[in-house]
Protein backbone atom coordinates (compact mmCIF):
# COMPACT_ATOMS: atom_id res chain seq x y z
CA UNK A 1 14.37 16.80 -47.14
CA UNK A 2 14.57 16.19 -50.81
CA UNK A 3 12.39 13.05 -50.77
CA UNK A 4 9.49 14.70 -48.88
CA UNK A 5 6.45 14.96 -51.17
CA UNK A 6 4.62 17.45 -48.95
CA UNK A 7 5.65 21.02 -49.03
CA UNK A 8 5.77 23.28 -46.00
CA UNK A 9 2.53 25.11 -46.81
CA UNK A 10 0.44 21.90 -46.47
CA UNK A 11 0.81 21.80 -42.64
CA UNK A 12 -2.55 23.51 -42.06
CA UNK A 13 -4.51 20.72 -43.79
CA UNK A 14 -3.73 17.41 -42.06
CA UNK A 15 -3.73 14.29 -44.17
CA UNK A 16 -6.20 11.46 -43.70
CA UNK A 17 -3.61 9.41 -41.80
CA UNK A 18 -2.98 12.22 -39.33
CA UNK A 19 -6.73 12.72 -38.81
CA UNK A 20 -7.19 8.99 -38.18
CA UNK A 21 -4.27 8.98 -35.76
CA UNK A 22 -5.67 11.99 -33.92
CA UNK A 23 -9.09 10.31 -33.62
CA UNK A 24 -7.50 7.09 -32.31
CA UNK A 25 -5.45 9.05 -29.75
CA UNK A 26 -8.57 10.86 -28.59
CA UNK A 27 -10.48 7.56 -28.16
CA UNK A 28 -7.51 6.11 -26.26
CA UNK A 29 -7.46 9.12 -23.96
CA UNK A 30 -11.17 8.72 -23.25
CA UNK A 31 -10.74 5.00 -22.48
CA UNK A 32 -7.81 5.73 -20.14
CA UNK A 33 -9.83 8.38 -18.33
CA UNK A 34 -12.69 5.92 -17.91
CA UNK A 35 -10.36 3.19 -16.64
CA UNK A 36 -8.76 5.54 -14.08
CA UNK A 37 -12.11 6.70 -12.75
CA UNK A 38 -12.94 5.17 -9.32
CA UNK A 39 -15.56 2.47 -9.37
CA UNK A 40 -19.10 3.27 -8.32
CA UNK A 41 -19.40 0.10 -6.23
CA UNK A 42 -18.20 1.84 -3.09
CA UNK A 43 -15.23 1.15 -0.87
CA UNK A 44 -13.53 -2.23 -0.84
CA UNK A 45 -14.80 -4.25 2.15
CA UNK A 46 -11.40 -5.85 2.74
CA UNK A 47 -9.24 -4.20 5.41
CA UNK A 48 -5.77 -2.84 4.66
CA UNK A 49 -6.16 -2.80 0.88
CA UNK A 50 -3.27 -0.37 0.54
CA UNK A 51 -0.77 -2.93 1.84
CA UNK A 52 1.29 -4.81 -0.69
CA UNK A 53 1.09 -8.58 -0.72
CA UNK A 54 4.62 -8.98 0.60
CA UNK A 55 4.01 -6.66 3.57
CA UNK A 56 0.73 -8.37 4.38
CA UNK A 57 2.34 -11.82 4.29
CA UNK A 58 5.20 -10.62 6.46
CA UNK A 59 2.76 -9.18 9.01
CA UNK A 60 0.71 -12.39 9.16
CA UNK A 61 3.78 -14.59 9.56
CA UNK A 62 5.14 -12.28 12.26
CA UNK A 63 1.84 -12.48 14.15
CA UNK A 64 2.03 -16.28 14.11
CA UNK A 65 5.69 -16.56 15.09
CA UNK A 66 5.28 -13.98 17.86
CA UNK A 67 2.35 -15.87 19.41
CA UNK A 68 4.22 -19.17 19.43
CA UNK A 69 7.47 -17.58 20.69
CA UNK A 70 5.78 -15.72 23.56
CA UNK A 71 3.87 -18.84 24.58
CA UNK A 72 7.03 -20.95 24.54
CA UNK A 73 8.96 -18.35 26.54
CA UNK A 74 6.26 -18.12 29.23
CA UNK A 75 6.07 -21.91 29.42
CA UNK A 76 9.84 -22.20 29.74
CA UNK A 77 9.89 -19.58 32.52
CA UNK A 78 7.14 -21.41 34.42
CA UNK A 79 9.01 -24.71 34.03
CA UNK A 80 12.17 -23.17 35.47
CA UNK A 81 10.32 -21.37 38.29
CA UNK A 82 7.93 -24.16 39.33
CA UNK A 83 10.05 -27.17 38.33
CA UNK A 84 7.26 -28.80 36.31
CA UNK A 85 9.30 -29.44 33.18
CA UNK A 86 8.12 -30.02 30.33
CA UNK A 87 4.41 -29.46 31.09
CA UNK A 88 4.50 -25.66 31.29
CA UNK A 89 6.34 -25.44 27.99
CA UNK A 90 3.93 -27.83 26.28
CA UNK A 91 0.83 -26.09 27.63
CA UNK A 92 1.93 -22.55 26.85
CA UNK A 93 3.35 -23.54 23.48
CA UNK A 94 -0.12 -24.79 22.53
CA UNK A 95 -1.74 -21.65 23.98
CA UNK A 96 0.74 -19.49 22.04
CA UNK A 97 -0.09 -21.36 18.86
CA UNK A 98 -3.82 -20.79 19.41
CA UNK A 99 -3.21 -17.10 20.14
CA UNK A 100 -1.06 -16.82 16.99
CA UNK A 101 -3.76 -18.38 14.83
CA UNK A 102 -6.37 -16.03 16.30
CA UNK A 103 -4.14 -12.99 15.70
CA UNK A 104 -3.54 -14.06 12.09
CA UNK A 105 -7.26 -14.48 11.52
CA UNK A 106 -7.96 -11.05 13.00
CA UNK A 107 -5.22 -9.41 10.94
CA UNK A 108 -6.49 -11.09 7.77
CA UNK A 109 -10.02 -9.86 8.44
CA UNK A 110 -11.56 -13.31 8.78
CA UNK A 111 -12.58 -12.74 12.41
CA UNK A 112 -13.57 -9.32 13.71
CA UNK A 113 -12.09 -7.86 16.87
CA UNK A 114 -14.00 -8.33 20.09
CA UNK A 115 -14.85 -4.63 20.48
CA UNK A 116 -15.85 -4.24 16.82
CA UNK A 117 -13.11 -1.81 15.76
CA UNK A 118 -10.06 -2.43 13.61
């Protein structure tokens, strides 16, 4: 270009601005490499850390709903079979709720499984 004050032969000697920019880019690269390095604290003690928050919430809500639904269904079947309506439904609905809460706590890692494995 006509307005360029540098000539083509000056490419081998970078200007002060280019040297400063190169140094800043190098420091940025070092900081990024340090930030991407795994921590030395060890593995995360929380289970299922690779799950996204949405998937984890969906799993926990499904555990709860499934426990209540299974309990209600068993109670309803017992009411129909034994003719003790509504006591079977009430009892097994409460048992299903308790089972759902326990499953949610196990899935969240608050309570460990009975056999000690996940």
